[in-house]
Every structure is written in structure tokens, then in C-alpha cells.
Amino acid sequence: MLHPEVLRRNDCIAALAMLYAAYGFYPDDPILQEYEVVKTSSAPISRSGFGLCWKGLFLGKHKVAVKGLRSHQNEERTTKLLERETEIWRRLNHTHVLRFIGLCALDDEMYVVSPWMDNGDAPSYIQRNPHADCVELLLQVALGLEYLHTFSPTVVHGDLRGANILISSLGHAQISDFGLSHMVDDKDGHSYSAAWFNAGSPRWLAPELLAKDNSSEAVWRTTASDVFSFGRLILELTSGRIPFFETVDDGLVRLKVGEGEIPERPQDEDALARGLDEDMWGLAVECWHREPSMRPIAQDLVHHLEALLQARGGSLPLEI
């Protein structure tokens, strides 16, 4: 027979699962108990520069992503990285920003728990669904980015690229992975390592983050560098290829970006069908302006993409 305490716990978990299903968020306590989350994959299903991700189950019912940092990192640094990411992410609440559920200790390690996105990341979703509306997906990302940049305090995402745009079961884009994010007015509130400043792929990074004359000092990611990355995202999603796909060596890509070189415009019919017409290419090039202050801001991206979508008779995303 189950102990009464276990029965009460099971009843509470069932009630919490119903509330989470109804409202889409969890009580504002970032620390989850180990019985609330379990890993369901025997090995990581994906990996990034800092972390590994497993598939899991939340409250015995909801599929979740369980992300931890690589085991070779020391415990103190791991804790600081997770705390910093969590501090930002848990405050956010927007239709096109992936929801934060909580932190959980499993196997003596801390993990970040977030909803599982059945459709994976944006590039793989578009590859599997060639008729997916790239313009609408880009508008949804722009709306999420506008939310971050107008949040108080301003949030810089820092790693905007296709792999960090997840697609929900309804086909909606959500910005994820806040491991390289920071709040603009909190630069002195945390210590940031050289690895944090140097992280990110040069294929999506703005040239001011890679320029040689900045190599001796830390250069902060900004809302303008996020917009630069958004321009790369336009190219990535509409072309079906990563920026500078023809150059395998990331070191060479870093040199190209640092010198202000931009990718060649795709001329194939598939890219055009996905939305990479003159207007969309022009928007991408504006995002890549060498001078950060000359780039559009997130609100400009939203207005431009809304106009493109309306011009062809598309419907605008509903804000919830």
C-alpha cells in the first residue's frame, strides 16, 4: 500500500499537471522537485557549445526538454551559468518566446526544464515542411525579439539563429536558449567569462563582435547585434542553408565577417518561393549594416514583415 504522503503527493502532481495544461505556466518557484521531472531519453538528443539536452516528462504527463551543462565544467561555474540564464528567462512571458518551467536537480546535476517542441528547430521544420510560411515565421521571431528589446530591463538574446528558434505543435516560432543573453542595465551585476564573450557561431555574429581591434577587450552583444543575427536568420530560413555555407572553415568565416563581407544572395526558385524577394533581401542587407546604429530596430522588423505579409494577402499573427 502506498504511504499517505505519497498519495497526497500524487494528488498534488495530478492537480498541478491540470493547472499547467490549462494555463501554460508553473508556480513562480524556479526550483522543481526531482519527482516532478524525469528523463525519458537514455542519451542526449541534442548538444550545443555549452550544454546537452535530454527529453523528459514533467508531472508525469507533459513532454519537456531537460537541458544541462557539459559535465567537464566545474560546479561553481555551472551554477553561475544556470542562475544567470534562469534569472533572465523566468521573467519572460510572450507567445513567441519559449516558456521557462524551472530548474531541477537530477543525478546530482542541475538542469533547466522547458516545454518540449514537437516540431524541432526552424530549419529542420522548414525542410520537412517545404510549404511552411517563412515570412510568417520570421514575423513571429521579430515579435519575440521586439518583446525582448522593449522589455524592462532590455534583454539582448545574443545567439539568434535557426537552431535556437523552435516550432510548436501548432507551427508557431518561439525564441529559445538564453545562455548567451544579458540584461542591458545589469552588466556589472554578474561576472562573465572569456568563453561567454567568445561564444556563438561567426556565421550569425555581427562584425563588431569579431573585429580584430576589439580582440583585446570584451565586446558586449547588443540589440543591434541581435538585429544583425536576425538578418542572417532571414537568409538561413529562406535559403535552407547556413550563412557562408560554401566556406567550411569557421575561422575563414570569422575573417570574412570581421571584414564586413556579406553572403551572396541565393538566386534559386526555392529561396524566392520561401519569401526571399527583393524586399526581403533588402531587409536582410539593412540588418547587416556595418555601423550598428544604422541597422533597423526590432519594431522596424515587425512593421516591415507585417507589410510584406499583408501585401500578399497573409494574416498577421494573433498576440496572446
C-alpha atoms as a PDB file:
ATOM      1  CA  MET A   1       0.000   0.000   0.000  1.00  0.00           C
ATOM      2  CA  LEU A   2       1.236   3.498  -0.818  1.00  0.00           C
ATOM      3  CA  HIS A   3       2.135   5.746   2.075  1.00  0.00           C
ATOM      4  CA  PRO A   4      -0.432   8.560   2.655  1.00  0.00           C
ATOM      5  CA  GLU A   5       2.270  11.140   1.975  1.00  0.00           C
ATOM      6  CA  VAL A   6       2.916   9.561  -1.439  1.00  0.00           C
ATOM      7  CA  LEU A   7      -0.808   9.540  -2.199  1.00  0.00           C
ATOM      8  CA  ARG A   8      -1.068  13.233  -1.301  1.00  0.00           C
ATOM      9  CA  ARG A   9       1.980  13.970  -3.456  1.00  0.00           C
ATOM     10  CA  ASN A  10       0.434  12.108  -6.404  1.00  0.00           C
ATOM     11  CA  ASP A  11      -2.810  14.035  -5.983  1.00  0.00           C
ATOM     12  CA  CYS A  12      -0.885  17.316  -5.920  1.00  0.00           C
ATOM     13  CA  ILE A  13       1.132  16.388  -9.008  1.00  0.00           C
ATOM     14  CA  ALA A  14      -2.078  15.482 -10.873  1.00  0.00           C
ATOM     15  CA  ALA A  15      -3.640  18.817  -9.883  1.00  0.00           C
ATOM     16  CA  LEU A  16      -0.508  20.746 -10.913  1.00  0.00           C
ATOM     17  CA  ALA A  17      -0.454  18.912 -14.245  1.00  0.00           C
ATOM     18  CA  MET A  18      -4.032  20.032 -14.907  1.00  0.00           C
ATOM     19  CA  LEU A  19      -3.220  23.629 -13.987  1.00  0.00           C
ATOM     20  CA  TYR A  20      -0.125  23.621 -16.208  1.00  0.00           C
ATOM     21  CA  ALA A  21      -2.146  22.212 -19.116  1.00  0.00           C
ATOM     22  CA  ALA A  22      -4.815  24.875 -18.637  1.00  0.00           C
ATOM     23  CA  TYR A  23      -2.610  27.947 -18.168  1.00  0.00           C
ATOM     24  CA  GLY A  24       0.741  27.021 -19.717  1.00  0.00           C
ATOM     25  CA  PHE A  25       2.900  28.124 -16.803  1.00  0.00           C
ATOM     26  CA  TYR A  26       4.042  26.838 -13.450  1.00  0.00           C
ATOM     27  CA  PRO A  27       4.001  28.490  -9.980  1.00  0.00           C
ATOM     28  CA  ASP A  28       6.745  31.100  -9.655  1.00  0.00           C
ATOM     29  CA  ASP A  29       9.288  28.923  -7.883  1.00  0.00           C
ATOM     30  CA  PRO A  30      12.216  28.091 -10.162  1.00  0.00           C
ATOM     31  CA  ILE A  31      13.311  25.007  -8.167  1.00  0.00           C
ATOM     32  CA  LEU A  32      11.456  21.823  -9.110  1.00  0.00           C
ATOM     33  CA  GLN A  33      11.493  18.646  -7.029  1.00  0.00           C
ATOM     34  CA  GLU A  34      13.152  15.570  -8.506  1.00  0.00           C
ATOM     35  CA  TYR A  35       9.835  13.665  -8.514  1.00  0.00           C
ATOM     36  CA  GLU A  36       8.309  16.347 -10.776  1.00  0.00           C
ATOM     37  CA  VAL A  37      10.696  15.739 -13.690  1.00  0.00           C
ATOM     38  CA  VAL A  38      12.178  12.556 -15.139  1.00  0.00           C
ATOM     39  CA  LYS A  39      14.434  11.997 -18.148  1.00  0.00           C
ATOM     40  CA  THR A  40      12.857   9.759 -20.775  1.00  0.00           C
ATOM     41  CA  SER A  41      15.768   9.586 -23.230  1.00  0.00           C
ATOM     42  CA  SER A  42      18.766   7.427 -22.369  1.00  0.00           C
ATOM     43  CA  ALA A  43      21.195   9.792 -24.120  1.00  0.00           C
ATOM     44  CA  PRO A  44      21.222  13.497 -25.036  1.00  0.00           C
ATOM     45  CA  ILE A  45      19.069  14.253 -28.064  1.00  0.00           C
ATOM     46  CA  SER A  46      20.962  17.436 -28.937  1.00  0.00           C
ATOM     47  CA  ARG A  47      24.020  19.390 -27.875  1.00  0.00           C
ATOM     48  CA  SER A  48      25.274  22.964 -28.126  1.00  0.00           C
ATOM     49  CA  GLY A  49      28.512  24.704 -27.222  1.00  0.00           C
ATOM     50  CA  PHE A  50      27.684  24.838 -23.520  1.00  0.00           C
ATOM     51  CA  GLY A  51      25.105  22.158 -22.897  1.00  0.00           C
ATOM     52  CA  LEU A  52      23.356  18.871 -23.552  1.00  0.00           C
ATOM     53  CA  CYS A  53      19.613  18.325 -23.858  1.00  0.00           C
ATOM     54  CA  TRP A  54      17.505  15.302 -22.938  1.00  0.00           C
ATOM     55  CA  LYS A  55      13.850  14.566 -23.488  1.00  0.00           C
ATOM     56  CA  GLY A  56      11.836  14.350 -20.275  1.00  0.00           C
ATOM     57  CA  LEU A  57       8.417  14.149 -18.678  1.00  0.00           C
ATOM     58  CA  PHE A  58       7.021  16.844 -16.368  1.00  0.00           C
ATOM     59  CA  LEU A  59       4.410  16.000 -13.714  1.00  0.00           C
ATOM     60  CA  GLY A  60       4.033  12.554 -15.266  1.00  0.00           C
ATOM     61  CA  LYS A  61       2.210  13.990 -18.265  1.00  0.00           C
ATOM     62  CA  HIS A  62       3.874  16.825 -20.195  1.00  0.00           C
ATOM     63  CA  LYS A  63       6.820  16.352 -22.536  1.00  0.00           C
ATOM     64  CA  VAL A  64       9.721  18.653 -21.684  1.00  0.00           C
ATOM     65  CA  ALA A  65      13.279  19.451 -22.717  1.00  0.00           C
ATOM     66  CA  VAL A  66      15.803  18.956 -19.901  1.00  0.00           C
ATOM     67  CA  LYS A  67      18.995  20.921 -20.548  1.00  0.00           C
ATOM     68  CA  GLY A  68      22.186  20.675 -18.539  1.00  0.00           C
ATOM     69  CA  LEU A  69      25.707  21.953 -18.980  1.00  0.00           C
ATOM     70  CA  ARG A  70      28.586  19.777 -20.105  1.00  0.00           C
ATOM     71  CA  SER A  71      29.938  17.700 -17.246  1.00  0.00           C
ATOM     72  CA  HIS A  72      33.559  18.857 -17.698  1.00  0.00           C
ATOM     73  CA  GLN A  73      32.645  22.340 -16.448  1.00  0.00           C
ATOM     74  CA  ASN A  74      33.277  22.969 -12.758  1.00  0.00           C
ATOM     75  CA  GLU A  75      30.313  23.036 -10.409  1.00  0.00           C
ATOM     76  CA  GLU A  76      30.640  26.679  -9.392  1.00  0.00           C
ATOM     77  CA  ARG A  77      30.789  27.898 -12.988  1.00  0.00           C
ATOM     78  CA  THR A  78      27.895  25.611 -13.976  1.00  0.00           C
ATOM     79  CA  THR A  79      25.757  27.012 -11.177  1.00  0.00           C
ATOM     80  CA  LYS A  80      26.537  30.611 -12.149  1.00  0.00           C
ATOM     81  CA  LEU A  81      25.715  29.995 -15.810  1.00  0.00           C
ATOM     82  CA  LEU A  82      22.399  28.356 -14.989  1.00  0.00           C
ATOM     83  CA  GLU A  83      21.473  31.024 -12.439  1.00  0.00           C
ATOM     84  CA  ARG A  84      22.206  33.798 -14.940  1.00  0.00           C
ATOM     85  CA  GLU A  85      20.183  32.157 -17.718  1.00  0.00           C
ATOM     86  CA  THR A  86      17.341  31.402 -15.323  1.00  0.00           C
ATOM     87  CA  GLU A  87      17.262  34.894 -13.850  1.00  0.00           C
ATOM     88  CA  ILE A  88      16.520  36.335 -17.280  1.00  0.00           C
ATOM     89  CA  TRP A  89      14.367  33.598 -18.762  1.00  0.00           C
ATOM     90  CA  ARG A  90      11.944  33.159 -15.843  1.00  0.00           C
ATOM     91  CA  ARG A  91      10.806  36.797 -16.145  1.00  0.00           C
ATOM     92  CA  LEU A  92       9.722  36.462 -19.770  1.00  0.00           C
ATOM     93  CA  ASN A  93       6.179  35.783 -20.924  1.00  0.00           C
ATOM     94  CA  HIS A  94       5.424  36.075 -24.630  1.00  0.00           C
ATOM     95  CA  THR A  95       3.751  33.961 -27.292  1.00  0.00           C
ATOM     96  CA  HIS A  96       6.944  33.762 -29.337  1.00  0.00           C
ATOM     97  CA  VAL A  97       9.420  33.215 -26.503  1.00  0.00           C
ATOM     98  CA  LEU A  98       9.817  29.668 -25.198  1.00  0.00           C
ATOM     99  CA  ARG A  99       8.379  29.299 -21.710  1.00  0.00           C
ATOM    100  CA  PHE A 100      10.680  28.615 -18.751  1.00  0.00           C
ATOM    101  CA  ILE A 101       9.331  25.939 -16.404  1.00  0.00           C
ATOM    102  CA  GLY A 102      12.022  25.619 -13.748  1.00  0.00           C
ATOM    103  CA  LEU A 103      15.322  24.198 -12.522  1.00  0.00           C
ATOM    104  CA  CYS A 104      15.649  20.628 -11.372  1.00  0.00           C
ATOM    105  CA  ALA A 105      18.406  18.562  -9.748  1.00  0.00           C
ATOM    106  CA  LEU A 106      18.762  15.133 -11.341  1.00  0.00           C
ATOM    107  CA  ASP A 107      21.674  12.755 -10.814  1.00  0.00           C
ATOM    108  CA  ASP A 108      23.352  15.408  -8.640  1.00  0.00           C
ATOM    109  CA  GLU A 109      23.363  17.901 -11.535  1.00  0.00           C
ATOM    110  CA  MET A 110      21.176  20.941 -12.247  1.00  0.00           C
ATOM    111  CA  TYR A 111      19.032  21.144 -15.356  1.00  0.00           C
ATOM    112  CA  VAL A 112      16.814  23.769 -16.982  1.00  0.00           C
ATOM    113  CA  VAL A 113      13.333  22.493 -17.856  1.00  0.00           C
ATOM    114  CA  SER A 114      11.235  23.931 -20.688  1.00  0.00           C
ATOM    115  CA  PRO A 115       8.320  22.724 -22.853  1.00  0.00           C
ATOM    116  CA  TRP A 116       9.147  20.135 -25.495  1.00  0.00           C
ATOM    117  CA  MET A 117       8.661  21.434 -29.036  1.00  0.00           C
ATOM    118  CA  ASP A 118       7.415  18.577 -31.236  1.00  0.00           C
ATOM    119  CA  ASN A 119       8.435  20.255 -34.484  1.00  0.00           C
ATOM    120  CA  GLY A 120      12.065  20.836 -33.527  1.00  0.00           C
ATOM    121  CA  ASP A 121      14.007  23.851 -34.722  1.00  0.00           C
ATOM    122  CA  ALA A 122      13.002  26.161 -37.566  1.00  0.00           C
ATOM    123  CA  PRO A 123      15.469  24.957 -40.266  1.00  0.00           C
ATOM    124  CA  SER A 124      14.562  21.277 -39.820  1.00  0.00           C
ATOM    125  CA  TYR A 125      10.843  22.154 -39.653  1.00  0.00           C
ATOM    126  CA  ILE A 126      11.014  24.046 -42.940  1.00  0.00           C
ATOM    127  CA  GLN A 127      12.996  21.227 -44.542  1.00  0.00           C
ATOM    128  CA  ARG A 128      10.278  18.745 -43.554  1.00  0.00           C
ATOM    129  CA  ASN A 129       7.500  21.174 -44.497  1.00  0.00           C
ATOM    130  CA  PRO A 130       8.583  22.903 -47.736  1.00  0.00           C
ATOM    131  CA  HIS A 131       5.340  24.882 -47.881  1.00  0.00           C
ATOM    132  CA  ALA A 132       5.803  26.385 -44.417  1.00  0.00           C
ATOM    133  CA  ASP A 133       5.324  30.160 -44.450  1.00  0.00           C
ATOM    134  CA  CYS A 134       8.823  31.529 -43.785  1.00  0.00           C
ATOM    135  CA  VAL A 135       7.650  35.133 -43.819  1.00  0.00           C
ATOM    136  CA  GLU A 136       5.132  34.440 -41.079  1.00  0.00           C
ATOM    137  CA  LEU A 137       7.701  32.518 -39.035  1.00  0.00           C
ATOM    138  CA  LEU A 138      10.169  35.400 -39.378  1.00  0.00           C
ATOM    139  CA  LEU A 139       7.476  37.845 -38.294  1.00  0.00           C
ATOM    140  CA  GLN A 140       6.802  35.732 -35.215  1.00  0.00           C
ATOM    141  CA  VAL A 141      10.521  35.755 -34.365  1.00  0.00           C
ATOM    142  CA  ALA A 142      10.593  39.533 -34.895  1.00  0.00           C
ATOM    143  CA  LEU A 143       7.655  39.912 -32.495  1.00  0.00           C
ATOM    144  CA  GLY A 144       9.519  37.855 -29.906  1.00  0.00           C
ATOM    145  CA  LEU A 145      12.661  39.919 -30.467  1.00  0.00           C
ATOM    146  CA  GLU A 146      10.678  43.169 -30.145  1.00  0.00           C
ATOM    147  CA  TYR A 147       9.363  41.900 -26.813  1.00  0.00           C
ATOM    148  CA  LEU A 148      12.893  41.181 -25.561  1.00  0.00           C
ATOM    149  CA  HIS A 149      14.291  44.514 -26.742  1.00  0.00           C
ATOM    150  CA  THR A 150      11.429  46.532 -25.238  1.00  0.00           C
ATOM    151  CA  PHE A 151      11.335  44.529 -22.009  1.00  0.00           C
ATOM    152  CA  SER A 152      12.310  46.439 -18.863  1.00  0.00           C
ATOM    153  CA  PRO A 153      15.202  45.995 -18.468  1.00  0.00           C
ATOM    154  CA  THR A 154      16.151  45.380 -22.108  1.00  0.00           C
ATOM    155  CA  VAL A 155      17.112  41.773 -22.866  1.00  0.00           C
ATOM    156  CA  VAL A 156      19.758  41.037 -25.503  1.00  0.00           C
ATOM    157  CA  HIS A 157      19.373  37.459 -26.730  1.00  0.00           C
ATOM    158  CA  GLY A 158      22.921  37.113 -28.002  1.00  0.00           C
ATOM    159  CA  ASP A 159      22.577  33.893 -30.020  1.00  0.00           C
ATOM    160  CA  LEU A 160      19.767  34.337 -32.531  1.00  0.00           C
ATOM    161  CA  ARG A 161      19.961  31.635 -35.214  1.00  0.00           C
ATOM    162  CA  GLY A 162      17.857  28.865 -36.672  1.00  0.00           C
ATOM    163  CA  ALA A 163      18.858  26.244 -34.116  1.00  0.00           C
ATOM    164  CA  ASN A 164      17.504  28.494 -31.333  1.00  0.00           C
ATOM    165  CA  ILE A 165      14.132  29.080 -32.977  1.00  0.00           C
ATOM    166  CA  LEU A 166      11.823  26.235 -32.004  1.00  0.00           C
ATOM    167  CA  ILE A 167       8.486  25.408 -33.609  1.00  0.00           C
ATOM    168  CA  SER A 168       5.473  24.436 -31.524  1.00  0.00           C
ATOM    169  CA  SER A 169       2.942  21.728 -32.370  1.00  0.00           C
ATOM    170  CA  LEU A 170       0.792  24.498 -33.876  1.00  0.00           C
ATOM    171  CA  GLY A 171       3.627  25.627 -36.165  1.00  0.00           C
ATOM    172  CA  HIS A 172       4.453  28.797 -34.216  1.00  0.00           C
ATOM    173  CA  ALA A 173       8.011  30.091 -33.790  1.00  0.00           C
ATOM    174  CA  GLN A 174       9.437  30.566 -30.294  1.00  0.00           C
ATOM    175  CA  ILE A 175      12.821  32.046 -29.379  1.00  0.00           C
ATOM    176  CA  SER A 176      14.801  29.732 -27.099  1.00  0.00           C
ATOM    177  CA  ASP A 177      18.199  29.317 -25.412  1.00  0.00           C
ATOM    178  CA  PHE A 178      19.097  32.283 -23.224  1.00  0.00           C
ATOM    179  CA  GLY A 179      22.552  31.033 -22.280  1.00  0.00           C
ATOM    180  CA  LEU A 180      24.272  33.983 -24.004  1.00  0.00           C
ATOM    181  CA  SER A 181      21.661  36.573 -23.039  1.00  0.00           C
ATOM    182  CA  HIS A 182      22.088  39.510 -20.718  1.00  0.00           C
ATOM    183  CA  MET A 183      20.115  42.468 -19.458  1.00  0.00           C
ATOM    184  CA  VAL A 184      21.470  45.778 -20.699  1.00  0.00           C
ATOM    185  CA  ASP A 185      21.429  47.506 -17.311  1.00  0.00           C
ATOM    186  CA  ASP A 186      22.962  44.547 -15.436  1.00  0.00           C
ATOM    187  CA  LYS A 187      26.434  44.306 -16.979  1.00  0.00           C
ATOM    188  CA  ASP A 188      28.057  44.893 -13.604  1.00  0.00           C
ATOM    189  CA  GLY A 189      25.744  42.540 -11.740  1.00  0.00           C
ATOM    190  CA  HIS A 190      27.478  39.349 -12.885  1.00  0.00           C
ATOM    191  CA  SER A 191      30.935  38.216 -13.870  1.00  0.00           C
ATOM    192  CA  TYR A 192      31.197  36.936 -17.445  1.00  0.00           C
ATOM    193  CA  SER A 193      33.947  34.608 -18.608  1.00  0.00           C
ATOM    194  CA  ALA A 194      36.039  34.957 -21.756  1.00  0.00           C
ATOM    195  CA  ALA A 195      34.293  31.813 -23.031  1.00  0.00           C
ATOM    196  CA  TRP A 196      30.919  33.561 -22.667  1.00  0.00           C
ATOM    197  CA  PHE A 197      32.095  36.615 -24.627  1.00  0.00           C
ATOM    198  CA  ASN A 198      33.653  34.458 -27.348  1.00  0.00           C
ATOM    199  CA  ALA A 199      30.762  32.009 -27.690  1.00  0.00           C
ATOM    200  CA  GLY A 200      28.486  31.854 -30.702  1.00  0.00           C
ATOM    201  CA  SER A 201      28.990  30.989 -34.347  1.00  0.00           C
ATOM    202  CA  PRO A 202      30.643  33.661 -36.508  1.00  0.00           C
ATOM    203  CA  ARG A 203      28.123  32.865 -39.260  1.00  0.00           C
ATOM    204  CA  TRP A 204      25.445  34.734 -37.294  1.00  0.00           C
ATOM    205  CA  LEU A 205      27.565  37.210 -35.298  1.00  0.00           C
ATOM    206  CA  ALA A 206      27.865  40.910 -36.077  1.00  0.00           C
ATOM    207  CA  PRO A 207      31.295  42.127 -37.279  1.00  0.00           C
ATOM    208  CA  GLU A 208      31.819  44.412 -34.280  1.00  0.00           C
ATOM    209  CA  LEU A 209      31.895  41.262 -32.128  1.00  0.00           C
ATOM    210  CA  LEU A 210      34.655  39.753 -34.267  1.00  0.00           C
ATOM    211  CA  ALA A 211      36.734  42.734 -35.416  1.00  0.00           C
ATOM    212  CA  LYS A 212      40.473  42.387 -34.738  1.00  0.00           C
ATOM    213  CA  ASP A 213      40.788  45.730 -32.972  1.00  0.00           C
ATOM    214  CA  ASN A 214      38.323  44.501 -30.358  1.00  0.00           C
ATOM    215  CA  SER A 215      40.210  41.291 -29.601  1.00  0.00           C
ATOM    216  CA  SER A 216      41.974  42.685 -26.525  1.00  0.00           C
ATOM    217  CA  GLU A 217      38.803  43.690 -24.686  1.00  0.00           C
ATOM    218  CA  ALA A 218      35.357  42.282 -24.019  1.00  0.00           C
ATOM    219  CA  VAL A 219      32.729  43.436 -26.508  1.00  0.00           C
ATOM    220  CA  TRP A 220      29.131  43.223 -25.354  1.00  0.00           C
ATOM    221  CA  ARG A 221      26.388  41.835 -27.537  1.00  0.00           C
ATOM    222  CA  THR A 222      23.718  44.467 -28.162  1.00  0.00           C
ATOM    223  CA  THR A 223      20.215  44.847 -29.549  1.00  0.00           C
ATOM    224  CA  ALA A 224      21.916  45.931 -32.782  1.00  0.00           C
ATOM    225  CA  SER A 225      23.961  42.724 -32.929  1.00  0.00           C
ATOM    226  CA  ASP A 226      20.717  40.782 -32.359  1.00  0.00           C
ATOM    227  CA  VAL A 227      19.236  42.549 -35.377  1.00  0.00           C
ATOM    228  CA  PHE A 228      22.330  41.646 -37.416  1.00  0.00           C
ATOM    229  CA  SER A 229      21.747  37.994 -36.465  1.00  0.00           C
ATOM    230  CA  PHE A 230      18.096  38.330 -37.462  1.00  0.00           C
ATOM    231  CA  GLY A 231      19.270  39.287 -40.955  1.00  0.00           C
ATOM    232  CA  ARG A 232      21.295  36.084 -41.058  1.00  0.00           C
ATOM    233  CA  LEU A 233      18.188  34.210 -39.903  1.00  0.00           C
ATOM    234  CA  ILE A 234      16.264  35.619 -42.872  1.00  0.00           C
ATOM    235  CA  LEU A 235      18.887  34.144 -45.166  1.00  0.00           C
ATOM    236  CA  GLU A 236      19.056  30.833 -43.304  1.00  0.00           C
ATOM    237  CA  LEU A 237      15.326  30.140 -43.300  1.00  0.00           C
ATOM    238  CA  THR A 238      14.565  31.292 -46.834  1.00  0.00           C
ATOM    239  CA  SER A 239      17.595  29.678 -48.480  1.00  0.00           C
ATOM    240  CA  GLY A 240      17.604  26.484 -46.448  1.00  0.00           C
ATOM    241  CA  ARG A 241      21.346  26.888 -45.862  1.00  0.00           C
ATOM    242  CA  ILE A 242      23.532  28.325 -43.130  1.00  0.00           C
ATOM    243  CA  PRO A 243      25.262  31.662 -43.884  1.00  0.00           C
ATOM    244  CA  PHE A 244      28.513  31.200 -45.838  1.00  0.00           C
ATOM    245  CA  PHE A 245      27.614  27.523 -46.387  1.00  0.00           C
ATOM    246  CA  GLU A 246      30.256  27.308 -49.096  1.00  0.00           C
ATOM    247  CA  THR A 247      33.011  28.022 -46.539  1.00  0.00           C
ATOM    248  CA  VAL A 248      33.504  25.048 -44.227  1.00  0.00           C
ATOM    249  CA  ASP A 249      36.198  26.585 -42.019  1.00  0.00           C
ATOM    250  CA  ASP A 250      34.663  28.761 -39.281  1.00  0.00           C
ATOM    251  CA  GLY A 251      37.999  30.552 -38.956  1.00  0.00           C
ATOM    252  CA  LEU A 252      37.713  31.789 -42.539  1.00  0.00           C
ATOM    253  CA  VAL A 253      34.098  32.767 -41.920  1.00  0.00           C
ATOM    254  CA  ARG A 254      35.246  34.783 -38.893  1.00  0.00           C
ATOM    255  CA  LEU A 255      37.704  36.682 -41.096  1.00  0.00           C
ATOM    256  CA  LYS A 256      35.042  37.365 -43.729  1.00  0.00           C
ATOM    257  CA  VAL A 257      32.536  38.638 -41.182  1.00  0.00           C
ATOM    258  CA  GLY A 258      35.125  40.725 -39.359  1.00  0.00           C
ATOM    259  CA  GLU A 259      35.996  42.416 -42.659  1.00  0.00           C
ATOM    260  CA  GLY A 260      32.336  43.191 -43.353  1.00  0.00           C
ATOM    261  CA  GLU A 261      31.759  40.687 -46.147  1.00  0.00           C
ATOM    262  CA  ILE A 262      28.135  39.622 -46.604  1.00  0.00           C
ATOM    263  CA  PRO A 263      26.850  36.328 -48.020  1.00  0.00           C
ATOM    264  CA  GLU A 264      25.922  36.065 -51.684  1.00  0.00           C
ATOM    265  CA  ARG A 265      22.231  36.348 -52.472  1.00  0.00           C
ATOM    266  CA  PRO A 266      20.652  32.995 -53.387  1.00  0.00           C
ATOM    267  CA  GLN A 267      19.121  33.066 -56.857  1.00  0.00           C
ATOM    268  CA  ASP A 268      17.256  29.744 -56.856  1.00  0.00           C
ATOM    269  CA  GLU A 269      13.493  29.461 -57.184  1.00  0.00           C
ATOM    270  CA  ASP A 270      13.116  27.700 -53.843  1.00  0.00           C
ATOM    271  CA  ALA A 271      14.524  30.706 -51.966  1.00  0.00           C
ATOM    272  CA  LEU A 272      12.195  33.018 -53.877  1.00  0.00           C
ATOM    273  CA  ALA A 273       9.226  30.769 -53.117  1.00  0.00           C
ATOM    274  CA  ARG A 274      10.096  30.889 -49.416  1.00  0.00           C
ATOM    275  CA  GLY A 275       9.947  34.687 -49.494  1.00  0.00           C
ATOM    276  CA  LEU A 276      13.442  35.876 -50.403  1.00  0.00           C
ATOM    277  CA  ASP A 277      12.337  38.507 -52.917  1.00  0.00           C
ATOM    278  CA  GLU A 278      13.854  41.975 -53.436  1.00  0.00           C
ATOM    279  CA  ASP A 279      12.108  43.402 -50.369  1.00  0.00           C
ATOM    280  CA  MET A 280      13.147  40.577 -48.058  1.00  0.00           C
ATOM    281  CA  TRP A 281      16.744  40.588 -49.302  1.00  0.00           C
ATOM    282  CA  GLY A 282      16.830  44.349 -48.850  1.00  0.00           C
ATOM    283  CA  LEU A 283      15.696  43.948 -45.238  1.00  0.00           C
ATOM    284  CA  ALA A 284      18.438  41.375 -44.595  1.00  0.00           C
ATOM    285  CA  VAL A 285      21.087  43.696 -46.041  1.00  0.00           C
ATOM    286  CA  GLU A 286      19.834  46.562 -43.850  1.00  0.00           C
ATOM    287  CA  CYS A 287      20.273  44.302 -40.818  1.00  0.00           C
ATOM    288  CA  TRP A 288      23.895  43.700 -41.901  1.00  0.00           C
ATOM    289  CA  HIS A 289      24.895  47.351 -41.999  1.00  0.00           C
ATOM    290  CA  ARG A 290      28.482  47.661 -40.768  1.00  0.00           C
ATOM    291  CA  GLU A 291      27.507  50.547 -38.489  1.00  0.00           C
ATOM    292  CA  PRO A 292      25.287  49.161 -35.688  1.00  0.00           C
ATOM    293  CA  SER A 293      23.383  52.434 -35.255  1.00  0.00           C
ATOM    294  CA  MET A 294      22.281  52.286 -38.893  1.00  0.00           C
ATOM    295  CA  ARG A 295      20.544  48.927 -38.575  1.00  0.00           C
ATOM    296  CA  PRO A 296      16.779  48.696 -38.125  1.00  0.00           C
ATOM    297  CA  ILE A 297      15.411  48.178 -34.643  1.00  0.00           C
ATOM    298  CA  ALA A 298      13.155  45.262 -33.758  1.00  0.00           C
ATOM    299  CA  GLN A 299       9.990  47.331 -34.184  1.00  0.00           C
ATOM    300  CA  ASP A 300      11.102  48.175 -37.733  1.00  0.00           C
ATOM    301  CA  LEU A 301      11.495  44.477 -38.481  1.00  0.00           C
ATOM    302  CA  VAL A 302       7.960  43.801 -37.262  1.00  0.00           C
ATOM    303  CA  HIS A 303       6.454  46.618 -39.332  1.00  0.00           C
ATOM    304  CA  HIS A 304       8.376  45.617 -42.466  1.00  0.00           C
ATOM    305  CA  LEU A 305       7.389  41.949 -42.214  1.00  0.00           C
ATOM    306  CA  GLU A 306       3.780  42.789 -41.397  1.00  0.00           C
ATOM    307  CA  ALA A 307       3.645  44.910 -44.556  1.00  0.00           C
ATOM    308  CA  LEU A 308       5.145  42.089 -46.649  1.00  0.00           C
ATOM    309  CA  LEU A 309       2.672  39.588 -45.241  1.00  0.00           C
ATOM    310  CA  GLN A 310      -0.319  41.873 -45.776  1.00  0.00           C
ATOM    311  CA  ALA A 311       0.795  42.776 -49.301  1.00  0.00           C
ATOM    312  CA  ARG A 312       0.480  39.158 -50.379  1.00  0.00           C
ATOM    313  CA  GLY A 313      -2.799  38.642 -48.515  1.00  0.00           C
ATOM    314  CA  GLY A 314      -1.452  36.793 -45.488  1.00  0.00           C
ATOM    315  CA  SER A 315      -2.888  37.037 -41.981  1.00  0.00           C
ATOM    316  CA  LEU A 316      -0.989  38.600 -39.100  1.00  0.00           C
ATOM    317  CA  PRO A 317      -0.179  36.502 -36.005  1.00  0.00           C
ATOM    318  CA  LEU A 318      -2.587  36.903 -33.115  1.00  0.00           C
ATOM    319  CA  GLU A 319      -0.983  38.224 -29.929  1.00  0.00           C
ATOM    320  CA  ILE A 320      -1.989  36.366 -26.784  1.00  0.00           C
END
